[in-house]
Amino acid sequence: MAHMGARYGDEFHAEANQGQMQEVAARDRARIECLAKGE
């Protein structure tokens, strides 16, 4: 789903489930919740 970090043009070092990726997880889950509800 999300593509984050240097390879994708971001200016931060992305580490799975750490730092900024925790915010990404929360945003991913908000999208997933909409998908699950058919919204």
PDB file of all heavy atoms in Angstrom:
ATOM      1  N   MET A   1       0.833  -1.176   0.000  1.00  0.00           N
ATOM      2  CA  MET A   1       0.000   0.000   0.000  1.00  0.00           C
ATOM      3  C   MET A   1       0.882   1.246   0.000  1.00  0.00           C
ATOM      4  O   MET A   1       1.220   1.739  -1.053  1.00  0.00           O
ATOM      5  CB  MET A   1      -0.965  -0.047   1.176  1.00  0.00           C
ATOM      6  CG  MET A   1      -1.910  -1.254   1.096  1.00  0.00           C
ATOM      7  SD  MET A   1      -3.078  -1.422   2.465  1.00  0.00           S
ATOM      8  CE  MET A   1      -2.077  -1.207   3.885  1.00  0.00           C
ATOM      9  N   ALA A   2       1.284   1.734   1.169  1.00  0.00           N
ATOM     10  CA  ALA A   2       2.125   2.932   1.234  1.00  0.00           C
ATOM     11  C   ALA A   2       3.547   2.607   0.794  1.00  0.00           C
ATOM     12  O   ALA A   2       4.055   1.507   1.022  1.00  0.00           O
ATOM     13  CB  ALA A   2       2.125   3.500   2.654  1.00  0.00           C
ATOM     14  N   HIS A   3       4.177   3.578   0.167  1.00  0.00           N
ATOM     15  CA  HIS A   3       5.564   3.475  -0.277  1.00  0.00           C
ATOM     16  C   HIS A   3       6.290   4.695   0.282  1.00  0.00           C
ATOM     17  O   HIS A   3       6.075   5.817  -0.178  1.00  0.00           O
ATOM     18  CB  HIS A   3       5.637   3.462  -1.803  1.00  0.00           C
ATOM     19  CG  HIS A   3       5.041   2.236  -2.399  1.00  0.00           C
ATOM     20  ND1 HIS A   3       3.686   2.008  -2.445  1.00  0.00           N
ATOM     21  CD2 HIS A   3       5.629   1.153  -2.957  1.00  0.00           C
ATOM     22  CE1 HIS A   3       3.472   0.826  -3.022  1.00  0.00           C
ATOM     23  NE2 HIS A   3       4.628   0.297  -3.337  1.00  0.00           N
ATOM     24  N   MET A   4       7.129   4.479   1.277  1.00  0.00           N
ATOM     25  CA  MET A   4       7.734   5.582   2.016  1.00  0.00           C
ATOM     26  C   MET A   4       9.252   5.435   2.080  1.00  0.00           C
ATOM     27  O   MET A   4       9.777   4.322   2.077  1.00  0.00           O
ATOM     28  CB  MET A   4       7.177   5.622   3.445  1.00  0.00           C
ATOM     29  CG  MET A   4       5.651   5.635   3.540  1.00  0.00           C
ATOM     30  SD  MET A   4       4.851   7.014   2.704  1.00  0.00           S
ATOM     31  CE  MET A   4       5.443   8.379   3.662  1.00  0.00           C
ATOM     32  N   GLY A   5       9.941   6.564   2.161  1.00  0.00           N
ATOM     33  CA  GLY A   5      11.383   6.555   2.341  1.00  0.00           C
ATOM     34  C   GLY A   5      12.141   7.027   1.115  1.00  0.00           C
ATOM     35  O   GLY A   5      11.566   7.505   0.131  1.00  0.00           O
ATOM     36  N   ALA A   6      13.446   6.894   1.190  1.00  0.00           N
ATOM     37  CA  ALA A   6      14.354   7.432   0.171  1.00  0.00           C
ATOM     38  C   ALA A   6      14.055   6.927  -1.236  1.00  0.00           C
ATOM     39  O   ALA A   6      14.059   7.698  -2.200  1.00  0.00           O
ATOM     40  CB  ALA A   6      15.790   7.102   0.550  1.00  0.00           C
ATOM     41  N   ARG A   7      13.792   5.647  -1.377  1.00  0.00           N
ATOM     42  CA  ARG A   7      13.528   5.058  -2.704  1.00  0.00           C
ATOM     43  C   ARG A   7      12.332   5.730  -3.391  1.00  0.00           C
ATOM     44  O   ARG A   7      12.263   5.772  -4.622  1.00  0.00           O
ATOM     45  CB  ARG A   7      13.254   3.556  -2.539  1.00  0.00           C
ATOM     46  CG  ARG A   7      12.886   2.845  -3.834  1.00  0.00           C
ATOM     47  CD  ARG A   7      12.576   1.400  -3.568  1.00  0.00           C
ATOM     48  NE  ARG A   7      13.814   0.681  -3.298  1.00  0.00           N
ATOM     49  CZ  ARG A   7      14.057  -0.553  -3.708  1.00  0.00           C
ATOM     50  NH1 ARG A   7      13.159  -1.218  -4.400  1.00  0.00           N
ATOM     51  NH2 ARG A   7      15.188  -1.137  -3.418  1.00  0.00           N
ATOM     52  N   TYR A   8      11.414   6.271  -2.576  1.00  0.00           N
ATOM     53  CA  TYR A   8      10.173   6.833  -3.106  1.00  0.00           C
ATOM     54  C   TYR A   8      10.142   8.357  -3.028  1.00  0.00           C
ATOM     55  O   TYR A   8       9.089   8.972  -3.125  1.00  0.00           O
ATOM     56  CB  TYR A   8       8.983   6.212  -2.376  1.00  0.00           C
ATOM     57  CG  TYR A   8       9.042   4.708  -2.450  1.00  0.00           C
ATOM     58  CD1 TYR A   8       9.354   3.956  -1.324  1.00  0.00           C
ATOM     59  CD2 TYR A   8       8.854   4.046  -3.657  1.00  0.00           C
ATOM     60  CE1 TYR A   8       9.448   2.575  -1.393  1.00  0.00           C
ATOM     61  CE2 TYR A   8       8.963   2.666  -3.736  1.00  0.00           C
ATOM     62  CZ  TYR A   8       9.255   1.935  -2.602  1.00  0.00           C
ATOM     63  OH  TYR A   8       9.360   0.573  -2.679  1.00  0.00           O
ATOM     64  N   GLY A   9      11.320   8.967  -2.862  1.00  0.00           N
ATOM     65  CA  GLY A   9      11.425  10.421  -2.921  1.00  0.00           C
ATOM     66  C   GLY A   9      11.204  11.154  -1.605  1.00  0.00           C
ATOM     67  O   GLY A   9      11.158  12.380  -1.596  1.00  0.00           O
ATOM     68  N   ASP A  10      11.073  10.434  -0.508  1.00  0.00           N
ATOM     69  CA  ASP A  10      10.902  11.087   0.788  1.00  0.00           C
ATOM     70  C   ASP A  10      12.270  11.481   1.344  1.00  0.00           C
ATOM     71  O   ASP A  10      13.284  10.848   1.043  1.00  0.00           O
ATOM     72  CB  ASP A  10      10.188  10.160   1.777  1.00  0.00           C
ATOM     73  CG  ASP A  10       8.766   9.867   1.345  1.00  0.00           C
ATOM     74  OD1 ASP A  10       8.026  10.829   1.052  1.00  0.00           O
ATOM     75  OD2 ASP A  10       8.394   8.683   1.286  1.00  0.00           O
ATOM     76  N   GLU A  11      12.283  12.508   2.162  1.00  0.00           N
ATOM     77  CA  GLU A  11      13.533  13.004   2.719  1.00  0.00           C
ATOM     78  C   GLU A  11      13.808  12.447   4.110  1.00  0.00           C
ATOM     79  O   GLU A  11      14.522  13.063   4.884  1.00  0.00           O
ATOM     80  CB  GLU A  11      13.516  14.528   2.752  1.00  0.00           C
ATOM     81  CG  GLU A  11      13.475  15.136   1.364  1.00  0.00           C
ATOM     82  CD  GLU A  11      13.524  16.642   1.364  1.00  0.00           C
ATOM     83  OE1 GLU A  11      13.775  17.249   2.424  1.00  0.00           O
ATOM     84  OE2 GLU A  11      13.304  17.209   0.289  1.00  0.00           O
ATOM     85  N   PHE A  12      13.256  11.302   4.423  1.00  0.00           N
ATOM     86  CA  PHE A  12      13.515  10.692   5.725  1.00  0.00           C
ATOM     87  C   PHE A  12      13.879   9.225   5.549  1.00  0.00           C
ATOM     88  O   PHE A  12      13.511   8.585   4.572  1.00  0.00           O
ATOM     89  CB  PHE A  12      12.331  10.860   6.689  1.00  0.00           C
ATOM     90  CG  PHE A  12      11.084  10.121   6.292  1.00  0.00           C
ATOM     91  CD1 PHE A  12      10.836   8.838   6.762  1.00  0.00           C
ATOM     92  CD2 PHE A  12      10.144  10.710   5.463  1.00  0.00           C
ATOM     93  CE1 PHE A  12       9.699   8.142   6.407  1.00  0.00           C
ATOM     94  CE2 PHE A  12       8.993  10.027   5.098  1.00  0.00           C
ATOM     95  CZ  PHE A  12       8.767   8.745   5.577  1.00  0.00           C
ATOM     96  N   HIS A  13      14.609   8.733   6.504  1.00  0.00           N
ATOM     97  CA  HIS A  13      15.004   7.326   6.555  1.00  0.00           C
ATOM     98  C   HIS A  13      13.824   6.560   7.158  1.00  0.00           C
ATOM     99  O   HIS A  13      13.449   6.805   8.298  1.00  0.00           O
ATOM    100  CB  HIS A  13      16.250   7.190   7.437  1.00  0.00           C
ATOM    101  CG  HIS A  13      16.710   5.788   7.600  1.00  0.00           C
ATOM    102  ND1 HIS A  13      17.680   5.237   6.802  1.00  0.00           N
ATOM    103  CD2 HIS A  13      16.338   4.824   8.469  1.00  0.00           C
ATOM    104  CE1 HIS A  13      17.891   3.991   7.175  1.00  0.00           C
ATOM    105  NE2 HIS A  13      17.096   3.711   8.183  1.00  0.00           N
ATOM    106  N   ALA A  14      13.216   5.681   6.398  1.00  0.00           N
ATOM    107  CA  ALA A  14      12.043   4.934   6.871  1.00  0.00           C
ATOM    108  C   ALA A  14      12.473   3.584   7.427  1.00  0.00           C
ATOM    109  O   ALA A  14      13.233   2.850   6.787  1.00  0.00           O
ATOM    110  CB  ALA A  14      11.051   4.735   5.732  1.00  0.00           C
ATOM    111  N   GLU A  15      11.997   3.290   8.627  1.00  0.00           N
ATOM    112  CA  GLU A  15      12.251   1.993   9.249  1.00  0.00           C
ATOM    113  C   GLU A  15      10.912   1.403   9.670  1.00  0.00           C
ATOM    114  O   GLU A  15      10.135   2.052  10.380  1.00  0.00           O
ATOM    115  CB  GLU A  15      13.165   2.143  10.459  1.00  0.00           C
ATOM    116  CG  GLU A  15      13.598   0.808  11.035  1.00  0.00           C
ATOM    117  CD  GLU A  15      14.620   0.950  12.149  1.00  0.00           C
ATOM    118  OE1 GLU A  15      15.271   2.005  12.240  1.00  0.00           O
ATOM    119  OE2 GLU A  15      14.746  -0.013  12.919  1.00  0.00           O
ATOM    120  N   ALA A  16      10.629   0.197   9.228  1.00  0.00           N
ATOM    121  CA  ALA A  16       9.337  -0.449   9.483  1.00  0.00           C
ATOM    122  C   ALA A  16       8.953  -0.367  10.956  1.00  0.00           C
ATOM    123  O   ALA A  16       9.754  -0.689  11.838  1.00  0.00           O
ATOM    124  CB  ALA A  16       9.362  -1.904   9.021  1.00  0.00           C
ATOM    125  N   ASN A  17       7.729   0.096  11.192  1.00  0.00           N
ATOM    126  CA  ASN A  17       7.109   0.159  12.519  1.00  0.00           C
ATOM    127  C   ASN A  17       7.848   1.050  13.512  1.00  0.00           C
ATOM    128  O   ASN A  17       7.634   0.925  14.721  1.00  0.00           O
ATOM    129  CB  ASN A  17       6.946  -1.258  13.098  1.00  0.00           C
ATOM    130  CG  ASN A  17       6.092  -2.120  12.203  1.00  0.00           C
ATOM    131  OD1 ASN A  17       4.962  -1.784  11.889  1.00  0.00           O
ATOM    132  ND2 ASN A  17       6.654  -3.228  11.752  1.00  0.00           N
ATOM    133  N   GLN A  18       8.679   1.959  13.011  1.00  0.00           N
ATOM    134  CA  GLN A  18       9.435   2.862  13.878  1.00  0.00           C
ATOM    135  C   GLN A  18       9.230   4.307  13.429  1.00  0.00           C
ATOM    136  O   GLN A  18       9.021   4.576  12.245  1.00  0.00           O
ATOM    137  CB  GLN A  18      10.937   2.543  13.829  1.00  0.00           C
ATOM    138  CG  GLN A  18      11.306   1.127  14.206  1.00  0.00           C
ATOM    139  CD  GLN A  18      10.963   0.800  15.646  1.00  0.00           C
ATOM    140  OE1 GLN A  18      11.234   1.585  16.545  1.00  0.00           O
ATOM    141  NE2 GLN A  18      10.365  -0.349  15.857  1.00  0.00           N
ATOM    142  N   GLY A  19       9.331   5.238  14.362  1.00  0.00           N
ATOM    143  CA  GLY A  19       9.307   6.658  14.034  1.00  0.00           C
ATOM    144  C   GLY A  19       8.112   7.062  13.201  1.00  0.00           C
ATOM    145  O   GLY A  19       6.974   6.772  13.553  1.00  0.00           O
ATOM    146  N   GLN A  20       8.393   7.743  12.070  1.00  0.00           N
ATOM    147  CA  GLN A  20       7.329   8.242  11.203  1.00  0.00           C
ATOM    148  C   GLN A  20       6.438   7.126  10.650  1.00  0.00           C
ATOM    149  O   GLN A  20       5.296   7.366  10.277  1.00  0.00           O
ATOM    150  CB  GLN A  20       7.921   9.044  10.044  1.00  0.00           C
ATOM    151  CG  GLN A  20       8.464  10.389  10.480  1.00  0.00           C
ATOM    152  CD  GLN A  20       9.015  11.178   9.312  1.00  0.00           C
ATOM    153  OE1 GLN A  20      10.191  11.072   8.998  1.00  0.00           O
ATOM    154  NE2 GLN A  20       8.164  11.954   8.680  1.00  0.00           N
ATOM    155  N   MET A  21       6.950   5.919  10.611  1.00  0.00           N
ATOM    156  CA  MET A  21       6.152   4.815  10.087  1.00  0.00           C
ATOM    157  C   MET A  21       5.006   4.438  11.023  1.00  0.00           C
ATOM    158  O   MET A  21       4.042   3.807  10.592  1.00  0.00           O
ATOM    159  CB  MET A  21       7.039   3.610   9.779  1.00  0.00           C
ATOM    160  CG  MET A  21       7.981   3.840   8.597  1.00  0.00           C
ATOM    161  SD  MET A  21       7.175   4.465   7.087  1.00  0.00           S
ATOM    162  CE  MET A  21       6.042   3.133   6.722  1.00  0.00           C
ATOM    163  N   GLN A  22       5.060   4.841  12.275  1.00  0.00           N
ATOM    164  CA  GLN A  22       3.926   4.622  13.178  1.00  0.00           C
ATOM    165  C   GLN A  22       2.761   5.526  12.788  1.00  0.00           C
ATOM    166  O   GLN A  22       1.606   5.112  12.838  1.00  0.00           O
ATOM    167  CB  GLN A  22       4.347   4.837  14.624  1.00  0.00           C
ATOM    168  CG  GLN A  22       5.309   3.762  15.107  1.00  0.00           C
ATOM    169  CD  GLN A  22       5.844   4.024  16.496  1.00  0.00           C
ATOM    170  OE1 GLN A  22       5.974   5.153  16.939  1.00  0.00           O
ATOM    171  NE2 GLN A  22       6.161   2.943  17.197  1.00  0.00           N
ATOM    172  N   GLU A  23       3.067   6.762  12.372  1.00  0.00           N
ATOM    173  CA  GLU A  23       2.021   7.660  11.876  1.00  0.00           C
ATOM    174  C   GLU A  23       1.447   7.133  10.562  1.00  0.00           C
ATOM    175  O   GLU A  23       0.244   7.182  10.330  1.00  0.00           O
ATOM    176  CB  GLU A  23       2.564   9.070  11.663  1.00  0.00           C
ATOM    177  CG  GLU A  23       1.519  10.021  11.110  1.00  0.00           C
ATOM    178  CD  GLU A  23       2.074  11.370  10.724  1.00  0.00           C
ATOM    179  OE1 GLU A  23       3.123  11.779  11.251  1.00  0.00           O
ATOM    180  OE2 GLU A  23       1.446  12.021   9.865  1.00  0.00           O
ATOM    181  N   VAL A  24       2.325   6.605   9.703  1.00  0.00           N
ATOM    182  CA  VAL A  24       1.863   6.013   8.445  1.00  0.00           C
ATOM    183  C   VAL A  24       0.911   4.862   8.738  1.00  0.00           C
ATOM    184  O   VAL A  24      -0.140   4.739   8.104  1.00  0.00           O
ATOM    185  CB  VAL A  24       3.063   5.546   7.580  1.00  0.00           C
ATOM    186  CG1 VAL A  24       2.597   4.710   6.390  1.00  0.00           C
ATOM    187  CG2 VAL A  24       3.877   6.745   7.110  1.00  0.00           C
ATOM    188  N   ALA A  25       1.227   4.033   9.725  1.00  0.00           N
ATOM    189  CA  ALA A  25       0.346   2.913  10.089  1.00  0.00           C
ATOM    190  C   ALA A  25      -1.024   3.420  10.510  1.00  0.00           C
ATOM    191  O   ALA A  25      -2.052   2.848  10.114  1.00  0.00           O
ATOM    192  CB  ALA A  25       0.971   2.082  11.204  1.00  0.00           C
ATOM    193  N   ALA A  26      -1.071   4.480  11.294  1.00  0.00           N
ATOM    194  CA  ALA A  26      -2.359   5.036  11.728  1.00  0.00           C
ATOM    195  C   ALA A  26      -3.150   5.553  10.535  1.00  0.00           C
ATOM    196  O   ALA A  26      -4.372   5.328  10.438  1.00  0.00           O
ATOM    197  CB  ALA A  26      -2.134   6.147  12.752  1.00  0.00           C
ATOM    198  N   ARG A  27      -2.477   6.201   9.606  1.00  0.00           N
ATOM    199  CA  ARG A  27      -3.156   6.712   8.406  1.00  0.00           C
ATOM    200  C   ARG A  27      -3.594   5.564   7.495  1.00  0.00           C
ATOM    201  O   ARG A  27      -4.688   5.606   6.909  1.00  0.00           O
ATOM    202  CB  ARG A  27      -2.258   7.695   7.687  1.00  0.00           C
ATOM    203  CG  ARG A  27      -2.049   8.983   8.517  1.00  0.00           C
ATOM    204  CD  ARG A  27      -1.132   9.959   7.850  1.00  0.00           C
ATOM    205  NE  ARG A  27      -1.692  10.396   6.581  1.00  0.00           N
ATOM    206  CZ  ARG A  27      -0.953  10.923   5.595  1.00  0.00           C
ATOM    207  NH1 ARG A  27       0.348  11.063   5.737  1.00  0.00           N
ATOM    208  NH2 ARG A  27      -1.525  11.303   4.472  1.00  0.00           N
ATOM    209  N   ASP A  28      -2.754   4.531   7.363  1.00  0.00           N
ATOM    210  CA  ASP A  28      -3.155   3.347   6.600  1.00  0.00           C
ATOM    211  C   ASP A  28      -4.416   2.738   7.205  1.00  0.00           C
ATOM    212  O   ASP A  28      -5.361   2.383   6.490  1.00  0.00           O
ATOM    213  CB  ASP A  28      -2.052   2.280   6.625  1.00  0.00           C
ATOM    214  CG  ASP A  28      -0.938   2.497   5.621  1.00  0.00           C
ATOM    215  OD1 ASP A  28      -1.057   3.352   4.726  1.00  0.00           O
ATOM    216  OD2 ASP A  28       0.092   1.790   5.747  1.00  0.00           O
ATOM    217  N   ARG A  29      -4.425   2.604   8.517  1.00  0.00           N
ATOM    218  CA  ARG A  29      -5.565   1.975   9.197  1.00  0.00           C
ATOM    219  C   ARG A  29      -6.845   2.794   9.029  1.00  0.00           C
ATOM    220  O   ARG A  29      -7.936   2.214   8.927  1.00  0.00           O
ATOM    221  CB  ARG A  29      -5.248   1.706  10.658  1.00  0.00           C
ATOM    222  CG  ARG A  29      -4.255   0.558  10.804  1.00  0.00           C
ATOM    223  CD  ARG A  29      -3.963   0.218  12.257  1.00  0.00           C
ATOM    224  NE  ARG A  29      -2.944  -0.814  12.365  1.00  0.00           N
ATOM    225  CZ  ARG A  29      -3.173  -2.112  12.267  1.00  0.00           C
ATOM    226  NH1 ARG A  29      -4.390  -2.556  12.045  1.00  0.00           N
ATOM    227  NH2 ARG A  29      -2.182  -2.983  12.394  1.00  0.00           N
ATOM    228  N   ALA A  30      -6.737   4.105   8.969  1.00  0.00           N
ATOM    229  CA  ALA A  30      -7.918   4.936   8.716  1.00  0.00           C
ATOM    230  C   ALA A  30      -8.484   4.631   7.328  1.00  0.00           C
ATOM    231  O   ALA A  30      -9.708   4.516   7.153  1.00  0.00           O
ATOM    232  CB  ALA A  30      -7.570   6.414   8.856  1.00  0.00           C
ATOM    233  N   ARG A  31      -7.608   4.463   6.350  1.00  0.00           N
ATOM    234  CA  ARG A  31      -8.061   4.114   4.998  1.00  0.00           C
ATOM    235  C   ARG A  31      -8.663   2.707   4.982  1.00  0.00           C
ATOM    236  O   ARG A  31      -9.705   2.477   4.355  1.00  0.00           O
ATOM    237  CB  ARG A  31      -6.906   4.184   4.002  1.00  0.00           C
ATOM    238  CG  ARG A  31      -6.405   5.592   3.763  1.00  0.00           C
ATOM    239  CD  ARG A  31      -5.273   5.598   2.769  1.00  0.00           C
ATOM    240  NE  ARG A  31      -4.715   6.928   2.591  1.00  0.00           N
ATOM    241  CZ  ARG A  31      -3.913   7.269   1.597  1.00  0.00           C
ATOM    242  NH1 ARG A  31      -3.574   6.384   0.682  1.00  0.00           N
ATOM    243  NH2 ARG A  31      -3.435   8.493   1.510  1.00  0.00           N
ATOM    244  N   ILE A  32      -8.010   1.785   5.664  1.00  0.00           N
ATOM    245  CA  ILE A  32      -8.511   0.411   5.736  1.00  0.00           C
ATOM    246  C   ILE A  32      -9.889   0.379   6.387  1.00  0.00           C
ATOM    247  O   ILE A  32     -10.774  -0.360   5.946  1.00  0.00           O
ATOM    248  CB  ILE A  32      -7.501  -0.489   6.488  1.00  0.00           C
ATOM    249  CG1 ILE A  32      -6.249  -0.690   5.629  1.00  0.00           C
ATOM    250  CG2 ILE A  32      -8.122  -1.822   6.874  1.00  0.00           C
ATOM    251  CD1 ILE A  32      -5.071  -1.281   6.380  1.00  0.00           C
ATOM    252  N   GLU A  33     -10.085   1.194   7.409  1.00  0.00           N
ATOM    253  CA  GLU A  33     -11.391   1.251   8.078  1.00  0.00           C
ATOM    254  C   GLU A  33     -12.472   1.720   7.114  1.00  0.00           C
ATOM    255  O   GLU A  33     -13.569   1.167   7.090  1.00  0.00           O
ATOM    256  CB  GLU A  33     -11.318   2.184   9.282  1.00  0.00           C
ATOM    257  CG  GLU A  33     -12.597   2.201  10.096  1.00  0.00           C
ATOM    258  CD  GLU A  33     -12.479   3.040  11.359  1.00  0.00           C
ATOM    259  OE1 GLU A  33     -11.397   3.008  11.989  1.00  0.00           O
ATOM    260  OE2 GLU A  33     -13.454   3.712  11.694  1.00  0.00           O
ATOM    261  N   CYS A  34     -12.173   2.710   6.293  1.00  0.00           N
ATOM    262  CA  CYS A  34     -13.143   3.157   5.284  1.00  0.00           C
ATOM    263  C   CYS A  34     -13.440   2.043   4.291  1.00  0.00           C
ATOM    264  O   CYS A  34     -14.600   1.830   3.920  1.00  0.00           O
ATOM    265  CB  CYS A  34     -12.624   4.390   4.550  1.00  0.00           C
ATOM    266  SG  CYS A  34     -12.705   5.916   5.494  1.00  0.00           S
ATOM    267  N   LEU A  35     -12.396   1.339   3.850  1.00  0.00           N
ATOM    268  CA  LEU A  35     -12.605   0.215   2.936  1.00  0.00           C
ATOM    269  C   LEU A  35     -13.520  -0.824   3.574  1.00  0.00           C
ATOM    270  O   LEU A  35     -14.456  -1.318   2.931  1.00  0.00           O
ATOM    271  CB  LEU A  35     -11.275  -0.435   2.569  1.00  0.00           C
ATOM    272  CG  LEU A  35     -10.320   0.363   1.693  1.00  0.00           C
ATOM    273  CD1 LEU A  35      -8.962  -0.325   1.611  1.00  0.00           C
ATOM    274  CD2 LEU A  35     -10.911   0.566   0.306  1.00  0.00           C
ATOM    275  N   ALA A  36     -13.257  -1.157   4.823  1.00  0.00           N
ATOM    276  CA  ALA A  36     -14.038  -2.185   5.508  1.00  0.00           C
ATOM    277  C   ALA A  36     -15.504  -1.782   5.648  1.00  0.00           C
ATOM    278  O   ALA A  36     -16.391  -2.633   5.572  1.00  0.00           O
ATOM    279  CB  ALA A  36     -13.439  -2.470   6.884  1.00  0.00           C
ATOM    280  N   LYS A  37     -15.759  -0.510   5.827  1.00  0.00           N
ATOM    281  CA  LYS A  37     -17.135  -0.020   5.993  1.00  0.00           C
ATOM    282  C   LYS A  37     -17.817   0.300   4.669  1.00  0.00           C
ATOM    283  O   LYS A  37     -18.981   0.676   4.659  1.00  0.00           O
ATOM    284  CB  LYS A  37     -17.131   1.233   6.870  1.00  0.00           C
ATOM    285  CG  LYS A  37     -16.747   0.968   8.300  1.00  0.00           C
ATOM    286  CD  LYS A  37     -16.755   2.254   9.091  1.00  0.00           C
ATOM    287  CE  LYS A  37     -16.397   2.037  10.547  1.00  0.00           C
ATOM    288  NZ  LYS A  37     -16.380   3.324  11.284  1.00  0.00           N
ATOM    289  N   GLY A  38     -17.084   0.178   3.573  1.00  0.00           N
ATOM    290  CA  GLY A  38     -17.657   0.494   2.266  1.00  0.00           C
ATOM    291  C   GLY A  38     -17.829   1.975   2.031  1.00  0.00           C
ATOM    292  O   GLY A  38     -18.655   2.395   1.230  1.00  0.00           O
ATOM    293  N   GLU A  39     -17.032   2.796   2.698  1.00  0.00           N
ATOM    294  CA  GLU A  39     -17.150   4.252   2.610  1.00  0.00           C
ATOM    295  C   GLU A  39     -16.243   4.796   1.504  1.00  0.00           C
ATOM    296  O   GLU A  39     -15.119   5.225   1.753  1.00  0.00           O
ATOM    297  CB  GLU A  39     -16.789   4.889   3.950  1.00  0.00           C
ATOM    298  CG  GLU A  39     -17.745   4.520   5.054  1.00  0.00           C
ATOM    299  CD  GLU A  39     -17.324   5.047   6.420  1.00  0.00           C
ATOM    300  OE1 GLU A  39     -16.232   5.656   6.551  1.00  0.00           O
ATOM    301  OE2 GLU A  39     -18.088   4.839   7.369  1.00  0.00           O
TER     302      GLU A  39
END
